[in-house]
Amino acid sequence: MFDELPEPQPGPYEVKIRVEAVGLNLPDLLMIMGRYQAKPPFPFVPCGEVAGEVAACGAEVREFAEGDRVLALCGTGGLAEYAQTEAKYVWHLPNGMKAETGAALGVAYSTAYLGLVSRAQMRPGEKLLVHGAAGGMGLAAVNLGAFLGAEVIATASNTDKLALAKQQGAKHLIAYLETDMIETVRQLTQQKGVDVVYDPVGGDLFDQSLHCVGWEGRLLSVGFASGRIPQVSINRLLMNGLSISGLFLGGYKHHQPARLQKALSELIRWHNQGGIRPHIARIFPFEEARQALTYFARRETLGKVVVCLS
């Protein structure tokens, strides 16, 4: 069911975007269910990752002009014909990049960048364990990690889901419902453990990850797709000199937008060089937006789900 709303009018530092494509992410579903840390008042227009064409700019915006093709992070309001956001959360789409690719790049890849590059300071040759490697968030970390020179160990619930992770650069594959993940990681690392864990799942996988990280390893918690927020015993950190970092993309928008701007600018450049390549599982037309959200909610998708308006 659709509704007609007034077209948004950009403030002095905002950009109004004629939306062509929208990327779906887990926080969108959680907001709709009222279970996310950010709780917009109902009713609201969901989805915060879009690509399209600049329709209008605020009086103080100098970086963009009407007609520019862009990708943007808008928090909410994306699943509509028009969206708006501050200019500092908008990036030019390079020539040749499709809108659906731009809408699949922003959230997943910038989260992976800020986790692996900024927080973990991952180095080439290090061993990276990525959970949920078939979903949009995990698959982006696999792809980016491999591009950055890591030896990627990808996990998913079953073998069928892992074929795509291999295509995106994973060297080792673990179906954690079919094998002992901890023992397999130990064998792959000659009992030393991995250097970095990227975990968008939480729950049992987070608990097991504490036994997979080596000396001075770094564990990045970027979400709780499993539904359970894990707890940590401090002695586990002391024994291995382990560092645990939480990563919330919205926090960078609020506290360090310059870091986020740099992250996406780098990612766009690397995409132009052919280094990273978002995988889109399925594209839905705007008229089937509800079906797209339902499909995404099943958590069976391999890669990103995108809604297109053109």
Protein backbone atom coordinates (compact mmCIF):
# COMPACT_ATOMS: atom_id res chain seq x y z
CA MET A 1 0.00 0.00 0.00
CA PHE A 2 1.38 3.37 -1.04
CA ASP A 3 0.60 6.87 0.15
CA GLU A 4 1.15 10.32 -1.31
CA LEU A 5 3.32 12.66 0.72
CA PRO A 6 4.50 16.21 0.05
CA GLU A 7 7.81 16.35 -1.80
CA PRO A 8 10.68 17.06 0.61
CA GLN A 9 12.24 20.51 0.37
CA PRO A 10 15.97 20.67 1.10
CA GLY A 11 17.25 22.88 3.88
CA PRO A 12 20.26 25.17 3.35
CA TYR A 13 22.82 22.35 3.64
CA GLU A 14 20.72 19.54 2.20
CA VAL A 15 20.33 17.78 -1.13
CA LYS A 16 17.05 16.52 -2.56
CA ILE A 17 17.46 13.32 -4.59
CA ARG A 18 15.18 11.80 -7.20
CA VAL A 19 15.56 8.19 -6.11
CA GLU A 20 16.41 5.53 -8.69
CA ALA A 21 17.49 2.67 -6.41
CA VAL A 22 17.26 1.80 -2.70
CA GLY A 23 19.42 -0.69 -0.80
CA LEU A 24 17.77 -2.70 1.99
CA ASN A 25 19.56 -3.30 5.29
CA LEU A 26 18.77 -5.03 8.57
CA PRO A 27 18.33 -1.72 10.48
CA ASP A 28 15.47 -0.87 8.11
CA LEU A 29 13.54 -3.95 9.26
CA LEU A 30 14.39 -3.35 12.90
CA MET A 31 13.13 0.24 12.68
CA ILE A 32 9.88 -0.95 11.13
CA MET A 33 9.48 -3.39 14.04
CA GLY A 34 10.44 -0.72 16.59
CA ARG A 35 13.46 -2.77 17.72
CA TYR A 36 16.32 -0.54 16.57
CA GLN A 37 18.28 1.92 18.74
CA ALA A 38 17.09 4.74 16.49
CA LYS A 39 13.30 4.91 16.74
CA PRO A 40 11.72 7.37 14.29
CA PRO A 41 8.12 8.29 15.12
CA PHE A 42 5.47 6.34 13.23
CA PRO A 43 4.44 6.60 10.48
CA PHE A 44 7.74 7.05 8.65
CA VAL A 45 9.30 6.19 5.30
CA PRO A 46 11.97 3.48 5.83
CA CYS A 47 15.36 2.85 4.24
CA GLY A 48 18.43 5.04 4.33
CA GLU A 49 20.63 4.00 1.40
CA VAL A 50 19.79 5.44 -2.01
CA ALA A 51 21.19 6.35 -5.41
CA GLY A 52 19.72 8.64 -8.00
CA GLU A 53 19.80 12.14 -9.42
CA VAL A 54 20.03 15.45 -7.61
CA ALA A 55 16.67 17.21 -7.96
CA ALA A 56 17.48 20.34 -5.91
CA CYS A 57 20.15 21.71 -3.58
CA GLY A 58 19.96 23.94 -0.53
CA ALA A 59 21.24 27.49 -0.77
CA GLU A 60 24.55 26.67 0.96
CA VAL A 61 25.38 23.51 -1.03
CA ARG A 62 28.31 24.01 -3.40
CA GLU A 63 29.52 20.45 -4.10
CA PHE A 64 26.46 19.30 -6.06
CA ALA A 65 24.16 20.62 -8.75
CA GLU A 66 20.81 19.62 -10.17
CA GLY A 67 21.22 16.63 -12.47
CA ASP A 68 24.27 15.15 -10.73
CA ARG A 69 24.09 11.39 -10.23
CA VAL A 70 24.79 10.48 -6.61
CA LEU A 71 24.60 7.89 -3.86
CA ALA A 72 23.55 8.97 -0.38
CA LEU A 73 22.97 7.86 3.19
CA CYS A 74 19.79 9.44 4.51
CA GLY A 75 18.93 7.40 7.62
CA THR A 76 15.24 7.10 6.74
CA GLY A 77 12.99 8.35 3.93
CA GLY A 78 14.74 6.49 1.13
CA LEU A 79 11.92 4.20 -0.03
CA ALA A 80 10.13 6.97 -1.91
CA GLU A 81 10.34 8.89 -5.17
CA TYR A 82 12.33 11.66 -3.45
CA ALA A 83 14.69 11.62 -0.50
CA GLN A 84 16.78 14.28 1.16
CA THR A 85 19.85 14.39 3.36
CA GLU A 86 22.73 16.66 4.30
CA ALA A 87 25.25 17.20 1.52
CA LYS A 88 28.04 15.68 3.63
CA TYR A 89 26.30 12.31 3.31
CA VAL A 90 26.16 12.45 -0.49
CA TRP A 91 28.78 11.21 -2.99
CA HIS A 92 29.06 11.55 -6.76
CA LEU A 93 28.39 8.37 -8.70
CA PRO A 94 31.18 7.83 -11.23
CA ASN A 95 30.37 7.53 -14.92
CA GLY A 96 29.28 4.01 -15.72
CA MET A 97 28.18 3.03 -12.20
CA LYS A 98 24.57 1.92 -12.20
CA ALA A 99 22.20 3.28 -9.57
CA GLU A 100 21.58 -0.21 -8.17
CA THR A 101 25.33 -0.67 -7.64
CA GLY A 102 25.54 2.67 -5.84
CA ALA A 103 22.63 1.67 -3.62
CA ALA A 104 24.42 -1.58 -2.73
CA LEU A 105 27.75 0.05 -1.88
CA GLY A 106 27.09 2.62 0.84
CA VAL A 107 26.11 0.86 4.07
CA ALA A 108 27.71 -2.59 3.77
CA TYR A 109 31.01 -1.53 2.28
CA SER A 110 31.51 1.61 4.38
CA THR A 111 30.84 -0.46 7.51
CA ALA A 112 33.42 -3.01 6.34
CA TYR A 113 35.92 -0.24 5.55
CA LEU A 114 35.54 1.49 8.89
CA GLY A 115 35.83 -1.86 10.66
CA LEU A 116 38.75 -3.39 8.79
CA VAL A 117 40.74 -0.27 7.89
CA SER A 118 39.98 2.22 10.67
CA ARG A 119 39.23 0.09 13.71
CA ALA A 120 41.15 -3.17 13.15
CA GLN A 121 43.92 -1.55 11.07
CA MET A 122 44.15 -4.84 9.24
CA ARG A 123 47.39 -5.52 7.36
CA PRO A 124 48.01 -7.52 4.16
CA GLY A 125 48.64 -11.17 4.90
CA GLU A 126 46.62 -11.22 8.12
CA LYS A 127 43.95 -13.85 8.60
CA LEU A 128 40.38 -12.51 8.61
CA LEU A 129 37.38 -14.55 9.82
CA VAL A 130 34.07 -13.23 8.43
CA HIS A 131 30.71 -14.47 9.75
CA GLY A 132 27.46 -14.25 7.83
CA ALA A 133 29.57 -14.29 4.68
CA ALA A 134 26.61 -14.86 2.37
CA GLY A 135 24.62 -11.82 3.48
CA GLY A 136 25.12 -8.24 2.35
CA MET A 137 27.22 -7.14 5.33
CA GLY A 138 29.43 -10.21 5.56
CA LEU A 139 29.93 -10.54 1.83
CA ALA A 140 31.13 -6.93 1.62
CA ALA A 141 33.73 -7.68 4.31
CA VAL A 142 34.86 -10.78 2.41
CA ASN A 143 35.24 -8.81 -0.82
CA LEU A 144 36.97 -5.83 0.80
CA GLY A 145 39.17 -8.00 3.02
CA ALA A 146 40.43 -9.99 0.05
CA PHE A 147 41.06 -6.77 -1.88
CA LEU A 148 43.12 -5.45 1.04
CA GLY A 149 45.29 -8.55 1.00
CA ALA A 150 43.86 -10.56 3.89
CA GLU A 151 43.59 -14.35 3.90
CA VAL A 152 39.82 -14.59 4.29
CA ILE A 153 38.04 -17.40 6.12
CA ALA A 154 34.31 -17.16 5.40
CA THR A 155 31.55 -18.77 7.46
CA ALA A 156 27.89 -19.38 6.70
CA SER A 157 25.26 -21.83 7.86
CA ASN A 158 25.68 -24.24 4.96
CA THR A 159 27.94 -25.07 2.05
CA ASP A 160 25.58 -23.78 -0.65
CA LYS A 161 25.78 -20.23 0.72
CA LEU A 162 29.58 -20.22 0.67
CA ALA A 163 30.09 -20.53 -3.10
CA LEU A 164 29.46 -16.81 -3.50
CA ALA A 165 31.93 -15.96 -0.73
CA LYS A 166 34.58 -17.88 -2.66
CA GLN A 167 33.79 -15.87 -5.79
CA GLN A 168 34.21 -12.68 -3.75
CA GLY A 169 37.69 -13.65 -2.58
CA ALA A 170 37.41 -16.02 0.39
CA LYS A 171 40.26 -18.56 0.52
CA HIS A 172 38.71 -20.88 3.14
CA LEU A 173 35.06 -21.78 3.66
CA ILE A 174 33.39 -23.04 6.86
CA ALA A 175 29.77 -24.24 7.04
CA TYR A 176 29.40 -23.86 10.80
CA LEU A 177 26.29 -26.06 11.09
CA GLU A 178 28.09 -28.88 9.31
CA THR A 179 31.52 -28.79 10.97
CA ASP A 180 33.34 -27.71 14.13
CA MET A 181 34.18 -24.08 13.41
CA ILE A 182 36.65 -23.59 16.26
CA GLU A 183 38.67 -26.69 15.42
CA THR A 184 38.63 -25.87 11.70
CA VAL A 185 39.92 -22.34 12.33
CA ARG A 186 42.67 -23.72 14.54
CA GLN A 187 43.74 -26.14 11.81
CA LEU A 188 43.73 -23.41 9.17
CA THR A 189 45.88 -21.15 11.34
CA GLN A 190 48.32 -23.77 12.67
CA GLN A 191 46.71 -23.36 16.12
CA LYS A 192 47.54 -19.63 16.22
CA GLY A 193 44.04 -18.25 15.62
CA VAL A 194 42.97 -15.46 13.29
CA ASP A 195 44.08 -11.85 13.48
CA VAL A 196 40.68 -10.24 12.88
CA VAL A 197 37.06 -11.36 13.23
CA TYR A 198 34.26 -9.47 11.46
CA ASP A 199 30.95 -10.39 13.08
CA PRO A 200 27.57 -9.03 11.95
CA VAL A 201 25.77 -12.04 13.48
CA GLY A 202 26.47 -12.10 17.24
CA GLY A 203 24.97 -14.82 19.41
CA ASP A 204 26.67 -18.22 19.38
CA LEU A 205 29.07 -17.26 16.60
CA PHE A 206 30.43 -14.39 18.67
CA ASP A 207 30.94 -16.75 21.62
CA GLN A 208 32.82 -19.22 19.43
CA SER A 209 34.88 -16.42 17.90
CA LEU A 210 36.49 -15.75 21.27
CA HIS A 211 38.15 -19.16 20.89
CA CYS A 212 39.24 -18.45 17.30
CA VAL A 213 41.19 -15.22 17.80
CA GLY A 214 44.95 -15.34 18.21
CA TRP A 215 47.34 -13.25 20.27
CA GLU A 216 46.48 -9.52 20.10
CA GLY A 217 43.61 -10.33 17.78
CA ARG A 218 40.80 -7.89 17.03
CA LEU A 219 37.13 -8.80 17.12
CA LEU A 220 34.74 -6.42 15.36
CA SER A 221 31.10 -6.58 16.45
CA VAL A 222 28.99 -4.89 13.77
CA GLY A 223 25.53 -6.30 14.46
CA PHE A 224 23.35 -8.99 15.97
CA ALA A 225 21.52 -10.62 13.06
CA SER A 226 21.11 -13.76 15.17
CA GLY A 227 18.91 -11.80 17.58
CA ARG A 228 21.04 -12.44 20.68
CA ILE A 229 23.44 -9.84 22.06
CA PRO A 230 26.40 -11.77 23.52
CA GLN A 231 28.20 -11.14 26.80
CA VAL A 232 31.98 -11.27 27.31
CA SER A 233 34.07 -12.50 30.24
CA ILE A 234 36.98 -10.11 30.66
CA ASN A 235 39.42 -12.93 31.43
CA ARG A 236 39.16 -14.06 27.81
CA LEU A 237 40.42 -10.65 26.72
CA LEU A 238 43.31 -10.74 29.18
CA MET A 239 44.53 -14.17 28.16
CA ASN A 240 45.01 -13.33 24.49
CA GLY A 241 45.44 -9.56 24.60
CA LEU A 242 42.19 -9.45 22.65
CA SER A 243 40.57 -6.19 21.55
CA ILE A 244 36.81 -6.01 20.94
CA SER A 245 35.41 -3.06 19.00
CA GLY A 246 31.79 -2.16 18.40
CA LEU A 247 30.94 -0.46 15.13
CA PHE A 248 27.74 1.50 14.48
CA LEU A 249 27.70 3.33 11.16
CA GLY A 250 25.26 5.92 12.45
CA GLY A 251 27.79 6.88 15.10
CA TYR A 252 30.24 7.96 12.42
CA LYS A 253 27.57 10.11 10.79
CA HIS A 254 27.08 11.88 14.09
CA HIS A 255 30.62 12.01 15.51
CA GLN A 256 33.07 11.65 12.62
CA PRO A 257 31.42 12.37 9.26
CA ALA A 258 34.82 13.12 7.71
CA ARG A 259 35.87 9.49 8.28
CA LEU A 260 32.70 8.28 6.62
CA GLN A 261 33.24 10.65 3.69
CA LYS A 262 36.78 9.32 3.24
CA ALA A 263 35.62 5.71 3.47
CA LEU A 264 33.05 5.97 0.70
CA SER A 265 35.30 8.10 -1.49
CA GLU A 266 37.97 5.39 -1.26
CA LEU A 267 35.45 2.64 -1.92
CA ILE A 268 34.12 4.37 -5.02
CA ARG A 269 37.70 4.76 -6.29
CA TRP A 270 38.46 1.09 -5.62
CA HIS A 271 35.28 0.07 -7.41
CA ASN A 272 36.36 2.13 -10.43
CA GLN A 273 39.65 0.22 -10.39
CA GLY A 274 37.79 -3.09 -10.40
CA GLY A 275 38.94 -4.00 -6.91
CA ILE A 276 35.54 -4.40 -5.23
CA ARG A 277 32.23 -5.50 -6.69
CA PRO A 278 28.98 -5.49 -4.71
CA HIS A 279 26.83 -8.54 -5.38
CA ILE A 280 23.11 -7.87 -5.77
CA ALA A 281 20.97 -10.89 -4.99
CA ARG A 282 17.73 -9.54 -6.39
CA ILE A 283 16.20 -6.32 -7.71
CA PHE A 284 12.54 -5.54 -7.03
CA PRO A 285 10.45 -2.85 -8.74
CA PHE A 286 9.14 -0.09 -6.50
CA GLU A 287 5.60 -1.49 -6.76
CA GLU A 288 6.86 -4.63 -5.01
CA ALA A 289 8.65 -2.85 -2.16
CA ARG A 290 6.64 -4.72 0.47
CA GLN A 291 7.54 -8.05 -1.11
CA ALA A 292 11.19 -6.94 -1.18
CA LEU A 293 11.17 -6.28 2.56
CA THR A 294 9.49 -9.63 3.20
CA TYR A 295 12.03 -11.41 1.01
CA PHE A 296 14.91 -9.67 2.81
CA ALA A 297 13.43 -10.53 6.22
CA ARG A 298 13.74 -14.26 5.47
CA ARG A 299 17.54 -13.86 5.72
CA GLU A 300 18.07 -16.28 2.86
CA THR A 301 19.47 -13.72 0.43
CA LEU A 302 22.98 -13.99 -0.98
CA GLY A 303 24.24 -10.43 -1.13
CA LYS A 304 22.18 -7.23 -1.30
CA VAL A 305 18.50 -6.69 -2.04
CA VAL A 306 17.71 -3.53 -3.99
CA VAL A 307 14.45 -1.78 -4.93
CA CYS A 308 14.51 0.18 -8.20
CA LEU A 309 12.22 3.06 -9.11
CA SER A 310 13.32 3.44 -12.73
